[in-house]
Structures are given as C-alpha cells and as structure tokens.
Amino acid sequence: MTKAQKMFELVDEYHNGGKTRKEFCTGHNLKESTFAYWITRRRKADQPQGGFTALDISQPSTCNESVELIYPNGIRVVVPAGDPAVVTRLIRLY
C-alpha cells in the first residue's frame, strides 16, 4: 500500500468518524498541518478531471438534446446538440 493510499484511508476514516481533526490527529500521531494537506489531496482526487467527451455528431439530432461546454476559465455554454457547426465553433474558441 502506498503512502497516498494509506493517508486517503485515514482521511476517509476521519470523515466517517465523529472526532475533531485535532483529536483524530492526536490519536493517529499525525501533525494537523500534514493531515490538512492530505485532506486537500483527497478532495482534489475526488473531483472529476477536465477534458473533452466524445460527441457523435454524424447524425443531426431531432430531439431536444443539448451540449454543455465548460471552458477552463469556468464559463459554461449550453447549446442545442442539433447543430454540429455551432458546437465545433464553440470548441475552437478556446
């Protein structure tokens, strides 16, 4: 088991328990600042990773589907999926 796996297990144990961070760290012989680092790492590991998702635009959409684009700066754009040209232009903006 790697150190990260062990620490992530401890973070999960802490979140599922009823102790304060100080009590938990004392009981496991950890520095609070080090444990705070691992809590942050665990939170980041649980977040979905960015990137593109494959989109089949070979057939025009005939229903009310939409495509949501999320740019790295956080801007979200929702457009109808029926127009591949619009989706393509929006992707190329970034």
Protein backbone atom coordinates (compact mmCIF):
# COMPACT_ATOMS: atom_id res chain seq x y z
CA MET A 1 0.00 0.00 0.00
CA THR A 2 1.41 3.40 -0.97
CA LYS A 3 1.62 6.30 1.42
CA ALA A 4 -1.10 8.14 -0.50
CA GLN A 5 -3.45 5.15 -0.25
CA LYS A 6 -2.82 4.89 3.48
CA MET A 7 -3.43 8.61 4.00
CA PHE A 8 -6.58 8.57 1.86
CA GLU A 9 -7.90 5.73 4.03
CA LEU A 10 -7.18 7.81 7.11
CA VAL A 11 -8.96 10.81 5.57
CA ASP A 12 -11.99 8.62 4.84
CA GLU A 13 -11.89 7.26 8.40
CA TYR A 14 -11.73 10.82 9.75
CA HIS A 15 -14.72 11.95 7.64
CA ASN A 16 -16.77 8.93 8.71
CA GLY A 17 -15.90 9.32 12.39
CA GLY A 18 -17.10 11.79 14.95
CA LYS A 19 -13.80 13.19 16.20
CA THR A 20 -12.41 16.66 15.69
CA ARG A 21 -9.37 16.97 13.45
CA LYS A 22 -7.17 17.61 16.48
CA GLU A 23 -8.47 14.51 18.30
CA PHE A 24 -8.06 12.37 15.19
CA CYS A 25 -4.51 13.57 14.55
CA THR A 26 -3.51 13.03 18.17
CA GLY A 27 -4.93 9.52 18.10
CA HIS A 28 -3.03 8.65 14.91
CA ASN A 29 0.17 10.51 15.82
CA LEU A 30 -0.16 12.95 12.87
CA LYS A 31 0.66 16.63 12.53
CA GLU A 32 -2.50 18.62 11.86
CA SER A 33 -0.85 20.56 9.04
CA THR A 34 0.26 17.34 7.32
CA PHE A 35 -3.19 15.85 7.70
CA ALA A 36 -4.77 19.02 6.28
CA TYR A 37 -2.54 18.56 3.20
CA TRP A 38 -3.83 15.00 2.72
CA ILE A 39 -7.45 16.11 3.17
CA THR A 40 -6.90 18.62 0.34
CA ARG A 41 -5.23 15.98 -1.85
CA ARG A 42 -8.13 13.60 -1.26
CA ARG A 43 -10.68 16.29 -2.15
CA LYS A 44 -8.81 17.06 -5.39
CA ALA A 45 -8.55 13.36 -6.26
CA ASP A 46 -12.32 13.02 -5.88
CA GLN A 47 -13.07 15.89 -8.27
CA PRO A 48 -13.84 14.99 -11.85
CA GLN A 49 -10.97 15.58 -14.23
CA GLY A 50 -11.39 18.06 -17.05
CA GLY A 51 -11.18 17.26 -20.71
CA PHE A 52 -13.40 16.60 -23.64
CA THR A 53 -16.05 13.97 -24.00
CA ALA A 54 -16.63 12.28 -27.34
CA LEU A 55 -19.72 13.56 -29.09
CA ASP A 56 -21.31 11.73 -32.04
CA ILE A 57 -22.47 14.42 -34.46
CA SER A 58 -22.69 12.21 -37.54
CA GLN A 59 -26.50 12.37 -37.44
CA PRO A 60 -28.39 15.60 -36.74
CA SER A 61 -30.32 15.49 -33.51
CA THR A 62 -34.09 15.50 -33.83
CA CYS A 63 -34.86 15.74 -30.12
CA ASN A 64 -34.34 18.47 -27.57
CA GLU A 65 -30.85 17.39 -26.52
CA SER A 66 -28.24 19.94 -25.57
CA VAL A 67 -24.48 20.06 -25.23
CA GLU A 68 -22.77 21.78 -22.32
CA LEU A 69 -19.26 23.12 -22.87
CA ILE A 70 -17.21 24.13 -19.84
CA TYR A 71 -14.17 26.23 -20.61
CA PRO A 72 -11.05 26.17 -18.39
CA ASN A 73 -11.90 29.63 -17.05
CA GLY A 74 -15.20 28.26 -15.69
CA ILE A 75 -17.57 29.67 -18.30
CA ARG A 76 -20.35 27.23 -19.18
CA VAL A 77 -22.17 27.32 -22.52
CA VAL A 78 -25.25 25.21 -23.26
CA VAL A 79 -26.28 24.90 -26.91
CA PRO A 80 -28.68 22.66 -28.85
CA ALA A 81 -26.94 19.48 -29.95
CA GLY A 82 -28.65 19.56 -33.35
CA ASP A 83 -26.15 21.97 -34.92
CA PRO A 84 -22.65 20.44 -35.07
CA ALA A 85 -21.22 23.55 -36.75
CA VAL A 86 -22.09 25.71 -33.73
CA VAL A 87 -20.63 23.16 -31.31
CA THR A 88 -17.44 22.94 -33.40
CA ARG A 89 -17.02 26.72 -33.48
CA LEU A 90 -17.52 26.96 -29.72
CA ILE A 91 -14.94 24.26 -29.07
CA ARG A 92 -12.43 26.06 -31.26
CA LEU A 93 -12.91 29.34 -29.36
CA TYR A 94 -10.56 28.12 -26.71
